[in-house]
Amino acid sequence: MQKKQALKQLLAVGVVAAMFSAAGVQAQTTGQSAQSMSNQSATGNPNLTGKTAADGTVNNTSSQGTEDRSAQTGAQGSSGSQGSTRAEGAKSHTSDSMQSTSGASGAAGATASGAAKLSAADKKAMSDMAIANMAEIETGKLALSKSQNAEVKTFAQQMIDDHGKVLSELQTLAQTKGVTLPTELDAKHKAMAAKLEKLSGDAFDKQYMQMAGLKDHKDTHAKLQKISKSAKDPDVKAAAEKTIPTVEQHLKAAQQMSSAKSGTTSGK
């Protein structure tokens, strides 16, 4: 009996020990599972973080791509705008060139038209004025080289300066009117120059002041007054009117010099 009881107790102890042993194993397994889950959870956070980072990278890349495309679109737009501006500038330049060419053609047409409208009488008037000025310039140069009289030489220089200026203005007007002015003296003034060329001393001074100083200026003054009244072209008329005061001043100076030299008041 005692042996059976002792055996039962041993069995009971073994069963209890086995139960505790099983419980320990289960607890260890549960702990390991919990630790494993904890490790996985901890590991999962980086994965989630990595995914978030990856998502962020994708978003950033997508955003950057969008910005790049926007920049490219802007650049293309700017290039297109610049191209349009250049095209408009070229168009404007072409238009300006056409207008300039048109203006030049218009000016040329106006010149040709002015020449066509200028009457024969007005053309002759311009030629007569040119010859009168050329004669005073040529005889003035002759007086500077031949005369020994200071007053005569001063007068001659004034003739060269004043009539040279008038002739230059007349030549400019002739160009705008399409008129060709004579380049040499007429027969009358060539004969006068030839006569003066043969003289010297007081004889030259007297003849120069009489012929170029008095007679020629009287003739020129009368012609200018006639042109100022009869000229059809307003520019030709204005040229004559502008020259009249100069010729009057020259004529007055020649009269005073001749009067003082001859001792008379007639000036002839």
C-alpha atoms as a PDB file:
ATOM      1  CA  MET A   1       0.000   0.000   0.000  1.00  0.00           C
ATOM      2  CA  GLN A   2       2.715   2.390   0.942  1.00  0.00           C
ATOM      3  CA  LYS A   3       4.557   1.570  -2.260  1.00  0.00           C
ATOM      4  CA  LYS A   4       1.469   2.309  -4.341  1.00  0.00           C
ATOM      5  CA  GLN A   5       0.943   5.600  -2.574  1.00  0.00           C
ATOM      6  CA  ALA A   6       4.518   6.540  -3.039  1.00  0.00           C
ATOM      7  CA  LEU A   7       4.277   5.587  -6.749  1.00  0.00           C
ATOM      8  CA  LYS A   8       1.146   7.710  -7.161  1.00  0.00           C
ATOM      9  CA  GLN A   9       2.904  10.636  -5.539  1.00  0.00           C
ATOM     10  CA  LEU A  10       5.852  10.267  -7.869  1.00  0.00           C
ATOM     11  CA  LEU A  11       3.538  10.115 -10.853  1.00  0.00           C
ATOM     12  CA  ALA A  12       1.681  13.135  -9.612  1.00  0.00           C
ATOM     13  CA  VAL A  13       4.963  15.035  -9.159  1.00  0.00           C
ATOM     14  CA  GLY A  14       6.064  13.956 -12.690  1.00  0.00           C
ATOM     15  CA  VAL A  15       2.801  15.131 -14.165  1.00  0.00           C
ATOM     16  CA  VAL A  16       3.117  18.481 -12.390  1.00  0.00           C
ATOM     17  CA  ALA A  17       6.730  18.795 -13.525  1.00  0.00           C
ATOM     18  CA  ALA A  18       5.728  17.984 -17.065  1.00  0.00           C
ATOM     19  CA  MET A  19       3.007  20.576 -16.976  1.00  0.00           C
ATOM     20  CA  PHE A  20       5.424  23.244 -15.693  1.00  0.00           C
ATOM     21  CA  SER A  21       7.906  22.219 -18.339  1.00  0.00           C
ATOM     22  CA  ALA A  22       5.283  22.518 -21.065  1.00  0.00           C
ATOM     23  CA  ALA A  23       4.166  25.869 -19.746  1.00  0.00           C
ATOM     24  CA  GLY A  24       7.776  27.120 -19.785  1.00  0.00           C
ATOM     25  CA  VAL A  25       8.251  26.011 -23.356  1.00  0.00           C
ATOM     26  CA  GLN A  26       5.013  27.692 -24.367  1.00  0.00           C
ATOM     27  CA  ALA A  27       5.996  30.853 -22.542  1.00  0.00           C
ATOM     28  CA  GLN A  28       9.409  30.814 -24.240  1.00  0.00           C
ATOM     29  CA  THR A  29       7.786  30.279 -27.600  1.00  0.00           C
ATOM     30  CA  THR A  30       5.336  33.085 -26.969  1.00  0.00           C
ATOM     31  CA  GLY A  31       8.196  35.362 -25.909  1.00  0.00           C
ATOM     32  CA  GLN A  32      10.145  34.495 -29.007  1.00  0.00           C
ATOM     33  CA  SER A  33       7.090  35.157 -31.153  1.00  0.00           C
ATOM     34  CA  ALA A  34       6.514  38.458 -29.429  1.00  0.00           C
ATOM     35  CA  GLN A  35      10.173  39.379 -29.894  1.00  0.00           C
ATOM     36  CA  SER A  36      10.023  38.331 -33.502  1.00  0.00           C
ATOM     37  CA  MET A  37       6.927  40.417 -34.055  1.00  0.00           C
ATOM     38  CA  SER A  38       8.583  43.302 -32.257  1.00  0.00           C
ATOM     39  CA  ASN A  39      11.664  42.938 -34.466  1.00  0.00           C
ATOM     40  CA  GLN A  40       9.507  42.761 -37.557  1.00  0.00           C
ATOM     41  CA  SER A  41       7.597  45.809 -36.428  1.00  0.00           C
ATOM     42  CA  ALA A  42      10.831  47.649 -35.790  1.00  0.00           C
ATOM     43  CA  THR A  43      12.156  46.499 -39.127  1.00  0.00           C
ATOM     44  CA  GLY A  44       8.880  47.442 -40.779  1.00  0.00           C
ATOM     45  CA  ASN A  45       9.270  51.080 -39.765  1.00  0.00           C
ATOM     46  CA  PRO A  46      12.390  51.550 -41.858  1.00  0.00           C
ATOM     47  CA  ASN A  47      10.646  49.807 -44.690  1.00  0.00           C
ATOM     48  CA  LEU A  48       7.693  52.106 -44.336  1.00  0.00           C
ATOM     49  CA  THR A  49      10.095  55.033 -44.001  1.00  0.00           C
ATOM     50  CA  GLY A  50      11.943  53.826 -47.056  1.00  0.00           C
ATOM     51  CA  LYS A  51       8.713  53.559 -48.964  1.00  0.00           C
ATOM     52  CA  THR A  52       7.779  57.045 -47.880  1.00  0.00           C
ATOM     53  CA  ALA A  53      11.191  58.260 -48.930  1.00  0.00           C
ATOM     54  CA  ALA A  54      10.794  56.437 -52.185  1.00  0.00           C
ATOM     55  CA  ASP A  55       7.393  57.981 -52.647  1.00  0.00           C
ATOM     56  CA  GLY A  56       8.918  61.360 -51.827  1.00  0.00           C
ATOM     57  CA  THR A  57      11.677  60.769 -54.379  1.00  0.00           C
ATOM     58  CA  VAL A  58       9.142  59.862 -56.979  1.00  0.00           C
ATOM     59  CA  ASN A  59       7.097  62.907 -56.135  1.00  0.00           C
ATOM     60  CA  ASN A  60      10.186  65.084 -56.175  1.00  0.00           C
ATOM     61  CA  THR A  61      11.263  63.593 -59.469  1.00  0.00           C
ATOM     62  CA  SER A  62       7.801  64.079 -60.855  1.00  0.00           C
ATOM     63  CA  SER A  63       7.754  67.653 -59.551  1.00  0.00           C
ATOM     64  CA  GLN A  64      11.210  68.326 -60.937  1.00  0.00           C
ATOM     65  CA  GLY A  65      10.174  66.844 -64.251  1.00  0.00           C
ATOM     66  CA  THR A  66       7.162  69.110 -64.276  1.00  0.00           C
ATOM     67  CA  GLU A  67       9.354  72.091 -63.490  1.00  0.00           C
ATOM     68  CA  ASP A  68      11.811  71.083 -66.200  1.00  0.00           C
ATOM     69  CA  ARG A  69       9.016  70.755 -68.694  1.00  0.00           C
ATOM     70  CA  SER A  70       7.656  74.112 -67.590  1.00  0.00           C
ATOM     71  CA  ALA A  71      11.111  75.639 -67.979  1.00  0.00           C
ATOM     72  CA  GLN A  72      11.462  74.050 -71.415  1.00  0.00           C
ATOM     73  CA  THR A  73       8.025  75.297 -72.377  1.00  0.00           C
ATOM     74  CA  GLY A  74       8.975  78.765 -71.095  1.00  0.00           C
ATOM     75  CA  ALA A  75      12.244  78.655 -73.019  1.00  0.00           C
ATOM     76  CA  GLN A  76      10.428  77.572 -76.159  1.00  0.00           C
ATOM     77  CA  GLY A  77       7.901  80.359 -75.601  1.00  0.00           C
ATOM     78  CA  SER A  78      10.697  82.874 -75.058  1.00  0.00           C
ATOM     79  CA  SER A  79      12.484  81.631 -78.159  1.00  0.00           C
ATOM     80  CA  GLY A  80       9.279  81.888 -80.114  1.00  0.00           C
ATOM     81  CA  SER A  81       8.720  85.394 -78.768  1.00  0.00           C
ATOM     82  CA  GLN A  82      12.261  86.406 -79.668  1.00  0.00           C
ATOM     83  CA  GLY A  83      11.812  84.907 -83.116  1.00  0.00           C
ATOM     84  CA  SER A  84       8.557  86.801 -83.510  1.00  0.00           C
ATOM     85  CA  THR A  85      10.238  90.013 -82.350  1.00  0.00           C
ATOM     86  CA  ARG A  86      13.076  89.525 -84.816  1.00  0.00           C
ATOM     87  CA  ALA A  87      10.597  88.788 -87.569  1.00  0.00           C
ATOM     88  CA  GLU A  88       8.647  91.932 -86.743  1.00  0.00           C
ATOM     89  CA  GLY A  89      11.898  93.931 -86.572  1.00  0.00           C
ATOM     90  CA  ALA A  90      12.938  92.612 -89.977  1.00  0.00           C
ATOM     91  CA  LYS A  91       9.492  93.445 -91.327  1.00  0.00           C
ATOM     92  CA  SER A  92       9.726  96.948 -89.868  1.00  0.00           C
ATOM     93  CA  HIS A  93      13.227  97.414 -91.340  1.00  0.00           C
ATOM     94  CA  THR A  94      11.983  96.265 -94.721  1.00  0.00           C
ATOM     95  CA  SER A  95       9.070  98.651 -94.462  1.00  0.00           C
ATOM     96  CA  ASP A  96      11.413 101.529 -93.524  1.00  0.00           C
ATOM     97  CA  SER A  97      13.695 100.653 -96.440  1.00  0.00           C
ATOM     98  CA  MET A  98      10.745 100.625 -98.801  1.00  0.00           C
ATOM     99  CA  GLN A  99       9.606 103.987 -97.447  1.00  0.00           C
ATOM    100  CA  SER A 100      13.146 105.378 -97.797  1.00  0.00           C
ATOM    101  CA  THR A 101      13.361 104.100-101.367  1.00  0.00           C
ATOM    102  CA  SER A 102       9.941 105.506-102.064  1.00  0.00           C
ATOM    103  CA  GLY A 103      11.032 108.846-100.562  1.00  0.00           C
ATOM    104  CA  ALA A 104      14.177 108.902-102.713  1.00  0.00           C
ATOM    105  CA  SER A 105      12.147 108.061-105.786  1.00  0.00           C
ATOM    106  CA  GLY A 106       9.692 110.790-104.858  1.00  0.00           C
ATOM    107  CA  ALA A 107      12.520 113.314-104.470  1.00  0.00           C
ATOM    108  CA  ALA A 108      13.982 112.292-107.818  1.00  0.00           C
ATOM    109  CA  GLY A 109      10.540 112.540-109.362  1.00  0.00           C
ATOM    110  CA  ALA A 110      10.045 115.963-107.826  1.00  0.00           C
ATOM    111  CA  THR A 111      13.387 117.124-109.249  1.00  0.00           C
ATOM    112  CA  ALA A 112      12.525 115.823-112.690  1.00  0.00           C
ATOM    113  CA  SER A 113       9.092 117.354-112.418  1.00  0.00           C
ATOM    114  CA  GLY A 114      10.596 120.687-111.321  1.00  0.00           C
ATOM    115  CA  ALA A 115      12.896 120.690-114.344  1.00  0.00           C
ATOM    116  CA  ALA A 116      10.011 119.878-116.650  1.00  0.00           C
ATOM    117  CA  LYS A 117       7.870 122.688-115.258  1.00  0.00           C
ATOM    118  CA  LEU A 118      10.636 125.318-115.395  1.00  0.00           C
ATOM    119  CA  SER A 119       9.933 127.623-118.337  1.00  0.00           C
ATOM    120  CA  ALA A 120      12.492 128.431-121.012  1.00  0.00           C
ATOM    121  CA  ALA A 121      12.557 132.032-119.827  1.00  0.00           C
ATOM    122  CA  ASP A 122      13.354 130.961-116.256  1.00  0.00           C
ATOM    123  CA  LYS A 123      16.120 128.646-117.479  1.00  0.00           C
ATOM    124  CA  LYS A 124      17.628 131.522-119.485  1.00  0.00           C
ATOM    125  CA  ALA A 125      17.343 133.784-116.441  1.00  0.00           C
ATOM    126  CA  MET A 126      19.372 131.317-114.382  1.00  0.00           C
ATOM    127  CA  SER A 127      22.008 131.114-117.131  1.00  0.00           C
ATOM    128  CA  ASP A 128      22.225 134.926-117.364  1.00  0.00           C
ATOM    129  CA  MET A 129      22.686 135.210-113.592  1.00  0.00           C
ATOM    130  CA  ALA A 130      25.399 132.540-113.677  1.00  0.00           C
ATOM    131  CA  ILE A 131      27.330 134.343-116.429  1.00  0.00           C
ATOM    132  CA  ALA A 132      27.072 137.702-114.637  1.00  0.00           C
ATOM    133  CA  ASN A 133      28.521 136.203-111.463  1.00  0.00           C
ATOM    134  CA  MET A 134      31.254 134.345-113.350  1.00  0.00           C
ATOM    135  CA  ALA A 135      32.270 137.566-115.134  1.00  0.00           C
ATOM    136  CA  GLU A 136      32.705 139.468-111.869  1.00  0.00           C
ATOM    137  CA  ILE A 137      34.767 136.600-110.411  1.00  0.00           C
ATOM    138  CA  GLU A 138      37.048 136.336-113.459  1.00  0.00           C
ATOM    139  CA  THR A 139      37.677 140.074-113.811  1.00  0.00           C
ATOM    140  CA  GLY A 140      38.169 140.318-110.046  1.00  0.00           C
ATOM    141  CA  LYS A 141      40.939 137.695-110.210  1.00  0.00           C
ATOM    142  CA  LEU A 142      42.486 139.588-113.107  1.00  0.00           C
ATOM    143  CA  ALA A 143      42.466 142.824-111.086  1.00  0.00           C
ATOM    144  CA  LEU A 144      44.165 141.132-108.131  1.00  0.00           C
ATOM    145  CA  SER A 145      47.018 140.012-110.376  1.00  0.00           C
ATOM    146  CA  LYS A 146      47.436 143.228-112.461  1.00  0.00           C
ATOM    147  CA  SER A 147      46.375 146.208-110.318  1.00  0.00           C
ATOM    148  CA  GLN A 148      48.759 148.057-108.011  1.00  0.00           C
ATOM    149  CA  ASN A 149      46.000 150.098-106.377  1.00  0.00           C
ATOM    150  CA  ALA A 150      45.003 148.938-102.891  1.00  0.00           C
ATOM    151  CA  GLU A 151      41.411 150.154-103.204  1.00  0.00           C
ATOM    152  CA  VAL A 152      40.969 148.431-106.556  1.00  0.00           C
ATOM    153  CA  LYS A 153      42.403 145.207-105.198  1.00  0.00           C
ATOM    154  CA  THR A 154      40.083 145.402-102.153  1.00  0.00           C
ATOM    155  CA  PHE A 155      37.098 145.923-104.434  1.00  0.00           C
ATOM    156  CA  ALA A 156      38.185 143.047-106.656  1.00  0.00           C
ATOM    157  CA  GLN A 157      38.474 140.704-103.666  1.00  0.00           C
ATOM    158  CA  GLN A 158      34.968 141.644-102.566  1.00  0.00           C
ATOM    159  CA  MET A 159      33.672 140.815-106.062  1.00  0.00           C
ATOM    160  CA  ILE A 160      35.311 137.379-105.897  1.00  0.00           C
ATOM    161  CA  ASP A 161      33.911 136.623-102.438  1.00  0.00           C
ATOM    162  CA  ASP A 162      30.363 137.958-102.883  1.00  0.00           C
ATOM    163  CA  HIS A 163      29.730 136.743-106.419  1.00  0.00           C
ATOM    164  CA  GLY A 164      31.384 133.427-105.622  1.00  0.00           C
ATOM    165  CA  LYS A 165      28.839 132.869-102.843  1.00  0.00           C
ATOM    166  CA  VAL A 166      25.919 133.862-105.078  1.00  0.00           C
ATOM    167  CA  LEU A 167      27.144 131.573-107.866  1.00  0.00           C
ATOM    168  CA  SER A 168      27.456 128.648-105.452  1.00  0.00           C
ATOM    169  CA  GLU A 169      23.857 129.120-104.284  1.00  0.00           C
ATOM    170  CA  LEU A 170      22.688 129.411-107.882  1.00  0.00           C
ATOM    171  CA  GLN A 171      24.459 126.173-108.809  1.00  0.00           C
ATOM    172  CA  THR A 172      22.725 124.372-105.931  1.00  0.00           C
ATOM    173  CA  LEU A 173      19.365 125.687-107.107  1.00  0.00           C
ATOM    174  CA  ALA A 174      20.125 124.598-110.667  1.00  0.00           C
ATOM    175  CA  GLN A 175      20.778 121.047-109.458  1.00  0.00           C
ATOM    176  CA  THR A 176      17.405 120.861-107.744  1.00  0.00           C
ATOM    177  CA  LYS A 177      15.717 122.196-110.891  1.00  0.00           C
ATOM    178  CA  GLY A 178      17.623 119.948-113.252  1.00  0.00           C
ATOM    179  CA  VAL A 179      19.129 122.928-115.092  1.00  0.00           C
ATOM    180  CA  THR A 180      22.644 122.851-116.560  1.00  0.00           C
ATOM    181  CA  LEU A 181      24.394 126.192-116.084  1.00  0.00           C
ATOM    182  CA  PRO A 182      27.095 127.498-118.444  1.00  0.00           C
ATOM    183  CA  THR A 183      30.679 126.834-117.385  1.00  0.00           C
ATOM    184  CA  GLU A 184      32.359 129.602-119.407  1.00  0.00           C
ATOM    185  CA  LEU A 185      31.739 133.260-120.210  1.00  0.00           C
ATOM    186  CA  ASP A 186      29.691 134.419-123.163  1.00  0.00           C
ATOM    187  CA  ALA A 187      31.298 136.242-126.078  1.00  0.00           C
ATOM    188  CA  LYS A 188      30.613 139.702-124.637  1.00  0.00           C
ATOM    189  CA  HIS A 189      32.402 139.037-121.350  1.00  0.00           C
ATOM    190  CA  LYS A 190      35.231 137.125-123.022  1.00  0.00           C
ATOM    191  CA  ALA A 191      35.924 140.223-125.137  1.00  0.00           C
ATOM    192  CA  MET A 192      35.936 142.433-122.034  1.00  0.00           C
ATOM    193  CA  ALA A 193      38.371 140.112-120.238  1.00  0.00           C
ATOM    194  CA  ALA A 194      40.640 140.051-123.295  1.00  0.00           C
ATOM    195  CA  LYS A 195      40.687 143.870-123.424  1.00  0.00           C
ATOM    196  CA  LEU A 196      41.561 144.174-119.724  1.00  0.00           C
ATOM    197  CA  GLU A 197      44.279 141.572-120.100  1.00  0.00           C
ATOM    198  CA  LYS A 198      46.162 143.884-122.449  1.00  0.00           C
ATOM    199  CA  LEU A 199      46.134 146.830-120.035  1.00  0.00           C
ATOM    200  CA  SER A 200      48.224 147.622-116.952  1.00  0.00           C
ATOM    201  CA  GLY A 201      48.743 150.313-114.299  1.00  0.00           C
ATOM    202  CA  ASP A 202      46.241 153.166-114.057  1.00  0.00           C
ATOM    203  CA  ALA A 203      44.798 152.345-117.478  1.00  0.00           C
ATOM    204  CA  PHE A 204      43.832 148.896-116.232  1.00  0.00           C
ATOM    205  CA  ASP A 205      42.366 150.228-112.976  1.00  0.00           C
ATOM    206  CA  LYS A 206      40.255 152.800-114.832  1.00  0.00           C
ATOM    207  CA  GLN A 207      38.910 150.332-117.383  1.00  0.00           C
ATOM    208  CA  TYR A 208      38.296 147.655-114.755  1.00  0.00           C
ATOM    209  CA  MET A 209      36.247 149.982-112.568  1.00  0.00           C
ATOM    210  CA  GLN A 210      34.361 151.359-115.560  1.00  0.00           C
ATOM    211  CA  MET A 211      33.619 148.036-117.251  1.00  0.00           C
ATOM    212  CA  ALA A 212      33.338 145.519-114.425  1.00  0.00           C
ATOM    213  CA  GLY A 213      32.614 147.889-111.560  1.00  0.00           C
ATOM    214  CA  LEU A 214      30.040 150.213-113.132  1.00  0.00           C
ATOM    215  CA  LYS A 215      28.707 148.995-116.484  1.00  0.00           C
ATOM    216  CA  ASP A 216      28.446 145.295-115.650  1.00  0.00           C
ATOM    217  CA  HIS A 217      26.807 145.943-112.290  1.00  0.00           C
ATOM    218  CA  LYS A 218      24.264 148.304-113.872  1.00  0.00           C
ATOM    219  CA  ASP A 219      23.413 145.694-116.496  1.00  0.00           C
ATOM    220  CA  THR A 220      23.223 142.947-113.893  1.00  0.00           C
ATOM    221  CA  HIS A 221      21.032 145.064-111.616  1.00  0.00           C
ATOM    222  CA  ALA A 222      18.575 145.710-114.462  1.00  0.00           C
ATOM    223  CA  LYS A 223      18.450 142.009-115.355  1.00  0.00           C
ATOM    224  CA  LEU A 224      17.844 140.955-111.755  1.00  0.00           C
ATOM    225  CA  GLN A 225      14.980 143.394-111.386  1.00  0.00           C
ATOM    226  CA  LYS A 226      13.409 142.083-114.568  1.00  0.00           C
ATOM    227  CA  ILE A 227      13.806 138.442-113.438  1.00  0.00           C
ATOM    228  CA  SER A 228      12.333 139.182-110.019  1.00  0.00           C
ATOM    229  CA  LYS A 229       9.191 140.504-111.732  1.00  0.00           C
ATOM    230  CA  SER A 230       8.834 138.089-114.654  1.00  0.00           C
ATOM    231  CA  ALA A 231      10.108 134.751-113.350  1.00  0.00           C
ATOM    232  CA  LYS A 232       7.404 132.100-113.056  1.00  0.00           C
ATOM    233  CA  ASP A 233       9.310 129.828-110.713  1.00  0.00           C
ATOM    234  CA  PRO A 234       9.246 131.149-107.117  1.00  0.00           C
ATOM    235  CA  ASP A 235      12.772 129.884-106.395  1.00  0.00           C
ATOM    236  CA  VAL A 236      14.253 131.625-109.423  1.00  0.00           C
ATOM    237  CA  LYS A 237      12.388 134.792-108.468  1.00  0.00           C
ATOM    238  CA  ALA A 238      13.708 134.557-104.892  1.00  0.00           C
ATOM    239  CA  ALA A 239      17.295 134.027-106.096  1.00  0.00           C
ATOM    240  CA  ALA A 240      17.128 137.217-108.152  1.00  0.00           C
ATOM    241  CA  GLU A 241      15.572 139.255-105.347  1.00  0.00           C
ATOM    242  CA  LYS A 242      18.206 138.008-102.892  1.00  0.00           C
ATOM    243  CA  THR A 243      21.083 139.093-105.181  1.00  0.00           C
ATOM    244  CA  ILE A 244      19.791 142.608-105.924  1.00  0.00           C
ATOM    245  CA  PRO A 245      21.003 144.200-102.617  1.00  0.00           C
ATOM    246  CA  THR A 246      24.492 142.756-103.142  1.00  0.00           C
ATOM    247  CA  VAL A 247      24.719 144.178-106.667  1.00  0.00           C
ATOM    248  CA  GLU A 248      23.409 147.549-105.474  1.00  0.00           C
ATOM    249  CA  GLN A 249      26.101 147.699-102.791  1.00  0.00           C
ATOM    250  CA  HIS A 250      28.805 146.867-105.365  1.00  0.00           C
ATOM    251  CA  LEU A 251      27.483 149.476-107.776  1.00  0.00           C
ATOM    252  CA  LYS A 252      27.474 152.136-105.094  1.00  0.00           C
ATOM    253  CA  ALA A 253      31.073 151.327-104.114  1.00  0.00           C
ATOM    254  CA  ALA A 254      32.181 151.455-107.765  1.00  0.00           C
ATOM    255  CA  GLN A 255      30.459 154.818-108.248  1.00  0.00           C
ATOM    256  CA  GLN A 256      32.167 156.260-105.174  1.00  0.00           C
ATOM    257  CA  MET A 257      35.595 155.030-106.291  1.00  0.00           C
ATOM    258  CA  SER A 258      35.138 156.340-109.826  1.00  0.00           C
ATOM    259  CA  SER A 259      33.890 159.712-108.536  1.00  0.00           C
ATOM    260  CA  ALA A 260      36.822 160.136-106.209  1.00  0.00           C
ATOM    261  CA  LYS A 261      39.339 159.207-108.909  1.00  0.00           C
ATOM    262  CA  SER A 262      37.869 161.424-111.635  1.00  0.00           C
ATOM    263  CA  GLY A 263      37.011 164.336-109.330  1.00  0.00           C
ATOM    264  CA  THR A 264      33.397 164.360-110.545  1.00  0.00           C
ATOM    265  CA  THR A 265      30.095 163.533-108.914  1.00  0.00           C
ATOM    266  CA  SER A 266      28.598 161.708-111.842  1.00  0.00           C
ATOM    267  CA  GLY A 267      30.431 158.463-111.220  1.00  0.00           C
ATOM    268  CA  LYS A 268      30.814 157.981-114.971  1.00  0.00           C
END
